[in-house]
């Protein structure tokens, strides 16, 4: 199982909400100059459309995510 270190620290948006420990959702992540989709796992359920931060790679196109709000957006808005 090869981990994808390049995706850690990237942000994305959930295309399919996560169900916490009950199962993954799907996230579209901005990485490598484009966008890629991964299965997304989170400790607690997150709704479709939630902006997330990738905190770990599980390999095989699976990542762990947290809900994320970019602090720079607050400065610009």
PDB file of N, CA and C in Angstrom:
ATOM      1  N   UNK A   1       0.854  -1.173   0.000  1.00  0.00           N
ATOM      2  CA  UNK A   1       0.000   0.000   0.000  1.00  0.00           C
ATOM      3  C   UNK A   1       0.894   1.228   0.000  1.00  0.00           C
ATOM      4  N   UNK A   2       1.000   1.897  -1.137  1.00  0.00           N
ATOM      5  CA  UNK A   2       1.819   3.100  -1.263  1.00  0.00           C
ATOM      6  C   UNK A   2       1.019   4.319  -0.844  1.00  0.00           C
ATOM      7  N   UNK A   3       1.560   5.072   0.085  1.00  0.00           N
ATOM      8  CA  UNK A   3       0.904   6.311   0.521  1.00  0.00           C
ATOM      9  C   UNK A   3       1.205   7.418  -0.476  1.00  0.00           C
ATOM     10  N   UNK A   4       0.246   8.314  -0.644  1.00  0.00           N
ATOM     11  CA  UNK A   4       0.391   9.447  -1.555  1.00  0.00           C
ATOM     12  C   UNK A   4       0.684  10.683  -0.720  1.00  0.00           C
ATOM     13  N   UNK A   5       1.966  10.936  -0.465  1.00  0.00           N
ATOM     14  CA  UNK A   5       2.367  12.043   0.397  1.00  0.00           C
ATOM     15  C   UNK A   5       2.019  13.407  -0.203  1.00  0.00           C
ATOM     16  N   UNK A   6       1.939  13.515  -1.534  1.00  0.00           N
ATOM     17  CA  UNK A   6       1.677  14.804  -2.193  1.00  0.00           C
ATOM     18  C   UNK A   6       0.311  15.375  -1.824  1.00  0.00           C
ATOM     19  N   UNK A   7      -0.627  14.541  -1.466  1.00  0.00           N
ATOM     20  CA  UNK A   7      -1.992  14.996  -1.193  1.00  0.00           C
ATOM     21  C   UNK A   7      -2.165  15.532   0.234  1.00  0.00           C
ATOM     22  N   UNK A   8      -1.258  15.167   1.145  1.00  0.00           N
ATOM     23  CA  UNK A   8      -1.359  15.615   2.536  1.00  0.00           C
ATOM     24  C   UNK A   8      -1.154  17.128   2.596  1.00  0.00           C
ATOM     25  N   UNK A   9      -2.076  17.809   3.253  1.00  0.00           N
ATOM     26  CA  UNK A   9      -2.023  19.261   3.361  1.00  0.00           C
ATOM     27  C   UNK A   9      -2.811  19.980   2.278  1.00  0.00           C
ATOM     28  N   UNK A  10      -3.322  19.237   1.312  1.00  0.00           N
ATOM     29  CA  UNK A  10      -4.140  19.835   0.254  1.00  0.00           C
ATOM     30  C   UNK A  10      -5.581  19.979   0.740  1.00  0.00           C
ATOM     31  N   UNK A  11      -6.320  20.888   0.105  1.00  0.00           N
ATOM     32  CA  UNK A  11      -7.724  21.072   0.444  1.00  0.00           C
ATOM     33  C   UNK A  11      -8.597  20.527  -0.682  1.00  0.00           C
ATOM     34  N   UNK A  12      -9.847  20.280  -0.346  1.00  0.00           N
ATOM     35  CA  UNK A  12     -10.796  19.787  -1.327  1.00  0.00           C
ATOM     36  C   UNK A  12     -12.209  19.975  -0.848  1.00  0.00           C
ATOM     37  N   UNK A  13     -13.149  19.463  -1.636  1.00  0.00           N
ATOM     38  CA  UNK A  13     -14.576  19.563  -1.328  1.00  0.00           C
ATOM     39  C   UNK A  13     -15.185  18.168  -1.404  1.00  0.00           C
ATOM     40  N   UNK A  14     -16.022  17.841  -0.419  1.00  0.00           N
ATOM     41  CA  UNK A  14     -16.668  16.530  -0.430  1.00  0.00           C
ATOM     42  C   UNK A  14     -17.741  16.467  -1.510  1.00  0.00           C
ATOM     43  N   UNK A  15     -17.604  15.494  -2.404  1.00  0.00           N
ATOM     44  CA  UNK A  15     -18.615  15.225  -3.431  1.00  0.00           C
ATOM     45  C   UNK A  15     -19.711  14.334  -2.861  1.00  0.00           C
ATOM     46  N   UNK A  16     -19.315  13.467  -1.936  1.00  0.00           N
ATOM     47  CA  UNK A  16     -20.237  12.591  -1.201  1.00  0.00           C
ATOM     48  C   UNK A  16     -19.840  12.697   0.267  1.00  0.00           C
ATOM     49  N   UNK A  17     -20.777  13.015   1.138  1.00  0.00           N
ATOM     50  CA  UNK A  17     -20.479  13.184   2.559  1.00  0.00           C
ATOM     51  C   UNK A  17     -19.920  11.926   3.195  1.00  0.00           C
ATOM     52  N   UNK A  18     -19.102  12.119   4.230  1.00  0.00           N
ATOM     53  CA  UNK A  18     -18.559  10.984   4.980  1.00  0.00           C
ATOM     54  C   UNK A  18     -19.556  10.562   6.050  1.00  0.00           C
ATOM     55  N   UNK A  19     -19.388   9.346   6.557  1.00  0.00           N
ATOM     56  CA  UNK A  19     -20.277   8.829   7.593  1.00  0.00           C
ATOM     57  C   UNK A  19     -19.519   8.520   8.879  1.00  0.00           C
ATOM     58  N   UNK A  20     -18.411   9.220   9.092  1.00  0.00           N
ATOM     59  CA  UNK A  20     -17.607   8.952  10.278  1.00  0.00           C
ATOM     60  C   UNK A  20     -17.028   7.547  10.204  1.00  0.00           C
ATOM     61  N   UNK A  21     -17.042   6.864  11.318  1.00  0.00           N
ATOM     62  CA  UNK A  21     -16.492   5.500  11.369  1.00  0.00           C
ATOM     63  C   UNK A  21     -17.334   4.504  10.559  1.00  0.00           C
ATOM     64  N   UNK A  22     -18.562   4.885  10.182  1.00  0.00           N
ATOM     65  CA  UNK A  22     -19.449   3.983   9.440  1.00  0.00           C
ATOM     66  C   UNK A  22     -19.076   3.850   7.968  1.00  0.00           C
ATOM     67  N   UNK A  23     -18.252   4.770   7.450  1.00  0.00           N
ATOM     68  CA  UNK A  23     -17.855   4.631   6.056  1.00  0.00           C
ATOM     69  C   UNK A  23     -17.377   5.920   5.431  1.00  0.00           C
ATOM     70  N   UNK A  24     -16.714   5.774   4.288  1.00  0.00           N
ATOM     71  CA  UNK A  24     -16.122   6.933   3.627  1.00  0.00           C
ATOM     72  C   UNK A  24     -17.105   7.675   2.737  1.00  0.00           C
ATOM     73  N   UNK A  25     -16.690   8.872   2.365  1.00  0.00           N
ATOM     74  CA  UNK A  25     -17.348   9.634   1.322  1.00  0.00           C
ATOM     75  C   UNK A  25     -16.371   9.758   0.169  1.00  0.00           C
ATOM     76  N   UNK A  26     -16.564  10.770  -0.647  1.00  0.00           N
ATOM     77  CA  UNK A  26     -15.650  11.010  -1.766  1.00  0.00           C
ATOM     78  C   UNK A  26     -15.292  12.486  -1.788  1.00  0.00           C
ATOM     79  N   UNK A  27     -14.004  12.772  -1.999  1.00  0.00           N
ATOM     80  CA  UNK A  27     -13.516  14.152  -2.002  1.00  0.00           C
ATOM     81  C   UNK A  27     -12.784  14.446  -3.303  1.00  0.00           C
ATOM     82  N   UNK A  28     -12.987  15.656  -3.804  1.00  0.00           N
ATOM     83  CA  UNK A  28     -12.221  16.141  -4.947  1.00  0.00           C
ATOM     84  C   UNK A  28     -11.160  17.080  -4.383  1.00  0.00           C
ATOM     85  N   UNK A  29      -9.883  16.714  -4.605  1.00  0.00           N
ATOM     86  CA  UNK A  29      -8.752  17.421  -4.014  1.00  0.00           C
ATOM     87  C   UNK A  29      -7.978  18.165  -5.096  1.00  0.00           C
ATOM     88  N   UNK A  30      -7.582  19.408  -4.795  1.00  0.00           N
ATOM     89  CA  UNK A  30      -6.713  20.178  -5.682  1.00  0.00           C
ATOM     90  C   UNK A  30      -5.275  19.755  -5.405  1.00  0.00           C
ATOM     91  N   UNK A  31      -4.684  19.031  -6.352  1.00  0.00           N
ATOM     92  CA  UNK A  31      -3.330  18.501  -6.163  1.00  0.00           C
ATOM     93  C   UNK A  31      -2.648  18.330  -7.519  1.00  0.00           C
ATOM     94  N   UNK A  32      -1.337  18.479  -7.542  1.00  0.00           N
ATOM     95  CA  UNK A  32      -0.530  18.266  -8.746  1.00  0.00           C
ATOM     96  C   UNK A  32      -1.003  19.105  -9.937  1.00  0.00           C
ATOM     97  N   UNK A  33      -1.450  20.329  -9.690  1.00  0.00           N
ATOM     98  CA  UNK A  33      -1.864  21.217 -10.763  1.00  0.00           C
ATOM     99  C   UNK A  33      -3.222  20.904 -11.356  1.00  0.00           C
ATOM    100  N   UNK A  34      -3.991  20.054 -10.702  1.00  0.00           N
ATOM    101  CA  UNK A  34      -5.323  19.700 -11.186  1.00  0.00           C
ATOM    102  C   UNK A  34      -6.192  19.259 -10.030  1.00  0.00           C
ATOM    103  N   UNK A  35      -7.194  18.442 -10.336  1.00  0.00           N
ATOM    104  CA  UNK A  35      -8.088  17.895  -9.313  1.00  0.00           C
ATOM    105  C   UNK A  35      -8.165  16.385  -9.467  1.00  0.00           C
ATOM    106  N   UNK A  36      -8.173  15.699  -8.340  1.00  0.00           N
ATOM    107  CA  UNK A  36      -8.285  14.239  -8.322  1.00  0.00           C
ATOM    108  C   UNK A  36      -9.291  13.849  -7.251  1.00  0.00           C
ATOM    109  N   UNK A  37      -9.937  12.698  -7.425  1.00  0.00           N
ATOM    110  CA  UNK A  37     -10.890  12.225  -6.427  1.00  0.00           C
ATOM    111  C   UNK A  37     -10.291  11.082  -5.617  1.00  0.00           C
ATOM    112  N   UNK A  38     -10.688  11.047  -4.346  1.00  0.00           N
ATOM    113  CA  UNK A  38     -10.224  10.038  -3.399  1.00  0.00           C
ATOM    114  C   UNK A  38     -11.397   9.620  -2.517  1.00  0.00           C
ATOM    115  N   UNK A  39     -11.348   8.401  -1.971  1.00  0.00           N
ATOM    116  CA  UNK A  39     -12.255   8.047  -0.887  1.00  0.00           C
ATOM    117  C   UNK A  39     -11.816   8.854   0.317  1.00  0.00           C
ATOM    118  N   UNK A  40     -12.771   9.416   1.042  1.00  0.00           N
ATOM    119  CA  UNK A  40     -12.464  10.300   2.172  1.00  0.00           C
ATOM    120  C   UNK A  40     -13.026   9.728   3.463  1.00  0.00           C
ATOM    121  N   UNK A  41     -12.174   9.588   4.439  1.00  0.00           N
ATOM    122  CA  UNK A  41     -12.557   9.111   5.770  1.00  0.00           C
ATOM    123  C   UNK A  41     -12.441  10.258   6.762  1.00  0.00           C
ATOM    124  N   UNK A  42     -13.357  10.313   7.728  1.00  0.00           N
ATOM    125  CA  UNK A  42     -13.291  11.324   8.790  1.00  0.00           C
ATOM    126  C   UNK A  42     -13.769  10.708  10.098  1.00  0.00           C
ATOM    127  N   UNK A  43     -13.329  11.282  11.216  1.00  0.00           N
ATOM    128  CA  UNK A  43     -13.708  10.768  12.529  1.00  0.00           C
ATOM    129  C   UNK A  43     -15.199  10.949  12.801  1.00  0.00           C
ATOM    130  N   UNK A  44     -15.762  12.041  12.284  1.00  0.00           N
ATOM    131  CA  UNK A  44     -17.198  12.289  12.461  1.00  0.00           C
ATOM    132  C   UNK A  44     -17.815  12.576  11.096  1.00  0.00           C
ATOM    133  N   UNK A  45     -19.102  12.354  10.945  1.00  0.00           N
ATOM    134  CA  UNK A  45     -19.750  12.590   9.647  1.00  0.00           C
ATOM    135  C   UNK A  45     -19.602  14.038   9.180  1.00  0.00           C
ATOM    136  N   UNK A  46     -19.349  14.189   7.881  1.00  0.00           N
ATOM    137  CA  UNK A  46     -19.257  15.503   7.247  1.00  0.00           C
ATOM    138  C   UNK A  46     -20.185  15.529   6.040  1.00  0.00           C
ATOM    139  N   UNK A  47     -20.867  16.627   5.833  1.00  0.00           N
ATOM    140  CA  UNK A  47     -21.871  16.746   4.775  1.00  0.00           C
ATOM    141  C   UNK A  47     -21.244  16.977   3.402  1.00  0.00           C
ATOM    142  N   UNK A  48     -21.972  16.569   2.373  1.00  0.00           N
ATOM    143  CA  UNK A  48     -21.606  16.873   0.991  1.00  0.00           C
ATOM    144  C   UNK A  48     -21.411  18.389   0.868  1.00  0.00           C
ATOM    145  N   UNK A  49     -20.357  18.810   0.166  1.00  0.00           N
ATOM    146  CA  UNK A  49     -20.076  20.219  -0.029  1.00  0.00           C
ATOM    147  C   UNK A  49     -19.154  20.822   1.009  1.00  0.00           C
ATOM    148  N   UNK A  50     -18.842  20.070   2.069  1.00  0.00           N
ATOM    149  CA  UNK A  50     -17.938  20.577   3.105  1.00  0.00           C
ATOM    150  C   UNK A  50     -16.529  20.720   2.544  1.00  0.00           C
ATOM    151  N   UNK A  51     -15.883  21.863   2.804  1.00  0.00           N
ATOM    152  CA  UNK A  51     -14.483  22.025   2.429  1.00  0.00           C
ATOM    153  C   UNK A  51     -13.648  21.300   3.476  1.00  0.00           C
ATOM    154  N   UNK A  52     -12.658  20.535   3.028  1.00  0.00           N
ATOM    155  CA  UNK A  52     -11.863  19.710   3.927  1.00  0.00           C
ATOM    156  C   UNK A  52     -10.372  19.888   3.676  1.00  0.00           C
ATOM    157  N   UNK A  53      -9.585  19.485   4.678  1.00  0.00           N
ATOM    158  CA  UNK A  53      -8.134  19.450   4.615  1.00  0.00           C
ATOM    159  C   UNK A  53      -7.709  17.996   4.715  1.00  0.00           C
ATOM    160  N   UNK A  54      -6.848  17.552   3.817  1.00  0.00           N
ATOM    161  CA  UNK A  54      -6.336  16.178   3.867  1.00  0.00           C
ATOM    162  C   UNK A  54      -5.238  16.114   4.922  1.00  0.00           C
ATOM    163  N   UNK A  55      -5.411  15.227   5.923  1.00  0.00           N
ATOM    164  CA  UNK A  55      -4.448  15.130   7.019  1.00  0.00           C
ATOM    165  C   UNK A  55      -3.606  13.863   6.954  1.00  0.00           C
ATOM    166  N   UNK A  56      -4.015  12.876   6.145  1.00  0.00           N
ATOM    167  CA  UNK A  56      -3.250  11.632   6.025  1.00  0.00           C
ATOM    168  C   UNK A  56      -3.662  10.892   4.766  1.00  0.00           C
ATOM    169  N   UNK A  57      -2.744  10.075   4.270  1.00  0.00           N
ATOM    170  CA  UNK A  57      -3.030   9.201   3.132  1.00  0.00           C
ATOM    171  C   UNK A  57      -3.078   7.771   3.629  1.00  0.00           C
ATOM    172  N   UNK A  58      -4.109   7.039   3.232  1.00  0.00           N
ATOM    173  CA  UNK A  58      -4.218   5.627   3.579  1.00  0.00           C
ATOM    174  C   UNK A  58      -3.698   4.740   2.449  1.00  0.00           C
ATOM    175  N   UNK A  59      -3.235   5.363   1.367  1.00  0.00           N
ATOM    176  CA  UNK A  59      -2.817   4.604   0.194  1.00  0.00           C
ATOM    177  C   UNK A  59      -4.035   4.228  -0.629  1.00  0.00           C
ATOM    178  N   UNK A  60      -3.806   3.634  -1.776  1.00  0.00           N
ATOM    179  CA  UNK A  60      -4.876   3.186  -2.684  1.00  0.00           C
ATOM    180  C   UNK A  60      -5.997   4.218  -2.848  1.00  0.00           C
ATOM    181  N   UNK A  61      -5.603   5.502  -3.026  1.00  0.00           N
ATOM    182  CA  UNK A  61      -6.535   6.607  -3.287  1.00  0.00           C
ATOM    183  C   UNK A  61      -7.557   6.791  -2.168  1.00  0.00           C
ATOM    184  N   UNK A  62      -7.094   6.658  -0.924  1.00  0.00           N
ATOM    185  CA  UNK A  62      -7.925   6.900   0.250  1.00  0.00           C
ATOM    186  C   UNK A  62      -7.195   7.873   1.166  1.00  0.00           C
ATOM    187  N   UNK A  63      -7.951   8.842   1.707  1.00  0.00           N
ATOM    188  CA  UNK A  63      -7.358   9.855   2.577  1.00  0.00           C
ATOM    189  C   UNK A  63      -8.214  10.084   3.819  1.00  0.00           C
ATOM    190  N   UNK A  64      -7.585  10.626   4.863  1.00  0.00           N
ATOM    191  CA  UNK A  64      -8.281  11.083   6.059  1.00  0.00           C
ATOM    192  C   UNK A  64      -8.425  12.596   5.949  1.00  0.00           C
ATOM    193  N   UNK A  65      -9.599  13.119   6.295  1.00  0.00           N
ATOM    194  CA  UNK A  65      -9.873  14.552   6.159  1.00  0.00           C
ATOM    195  C   UNK A  65     -10.485  15.130   7.428  1.00  0.00           C
ATOM    196  N   UNK A  66     -10.351  16.452   7.550  1.00  0.00           N
ATOM    197  CA  UNK A  66     -11.001  17.255   8.594  1.00  0.00           C
ATOM    198  C   UNK A  66     -11.743  18.390   7.907  1.00  0.00           C
ATOM    199  N   UNK A  67     -12.850  18.824   8.513  1.00  0.00           N
ATOM    200  CA  UNK A  67     -13.525  20.027   8.005  1.00  0.00           C
ATOM    201  C   UNK A  67     -12.543  21.178   8.092  1.00  0.00           C
ATOM    202  N   UNK A  68     -12.550  22.061   7.087  1.00  0.00           N
ATOM    203  CA  UNK A  68     -11.541  23.118   6.991  1.00  0.00           C
ATOM    204  C   UNK A  68     -12.173  24.407   6.510  1.00  0.00           C
ATOM    205  N   UNK A  69     -11.771  25.483   7.129  1.00  0.00           N
ATOM    206  CA  UNK A  69     -12.155  26.815   6.685  1.00  0.00           C
ATOM    207  C   UNK A  69     -10.862  27.607   6.552  1.00  0.00           C
ATOM    208  N   UNK A  70     -10.527  28.043   5.364  1.00  0.00           N
ATOM    209  CA  UNK A  70      -9.270  28.745   5.117  1.00  0.00           C
ATOM    210  C   UNK A  70      -9.271  30.075   5.863  1.00  0.00           C
ATOM    211  N   UNK A  71      -8.317  30.281   6.771  1.00  0.00           N
ATOM    212  CA  UNK A  71      -8.305  31.535   7.525  1.00  0.00           C
ATOM    213  C   UNK A  71      -8.066  32.759   6.645  1.00  0.00           C
ATOM    214  N   UNK A  72      -7.454  32.581   5.483  1.00  0.00           N
ATOM    215  CA  UNK A  72      -7.238  33.715   4.583  1.00  0.00           C
ATOM    216  C   UNK A  72      -8.542  34.192   3.944  1.00  0.00           C
ATOM    217  N   UNK A  73      -9.534  33.298   3.831  1.00  0.00           N
ATOM    218  CA  UNK A  73     -10.831  33.716   3.305  1.00  0.00           C
ATOM    219  C   UNK A  73     -11.480  34.773   4.201  1.00  0.00           C
ATOM    220  N   UNK A  74     -11.284  34.676   5.501  1.00  0.00           N
ATOM    221  CA  UNK A  74     -11.855  35.648   6.448  1.00  0.00           C
ATOM    222  C   UNK A  74     -11.222  37.032   6.234  1.00  0.00           C
ATOM    223  N   UNK A  75      -9.951  37.053   5.868  1.00  0.00           N
ATOM    224  CA  UNK A  75      -9.268  38.317   5.633  1.00  0.00           C
ATOM    225  C   UNK A  75      -9.717  38.986   4.345  1.00  0.00           C
ATOM    226  N   UNK A  76     -10.086  38.161   3.362  1.00  0.00           N
ATOM    227  CA  UNK A  76     -10.487  38.676   2.050  1.00  0.00           C
ATOM    228  C   UNK A  76     -11.978  38.997   1.968  1.00  0.00           C
ATOM    229  N   UNK A  77     -12.755  38.517   2.908  1.00  0.00           N
ATOM    230  CA  UNK A  77     -14.197  38.691   2.807  1.00  0.00           C
ATOM    231  C   UNK A  77     -14.713  39.638   3.768  1.00  0.00           C
TER     232      UNK A  77
END
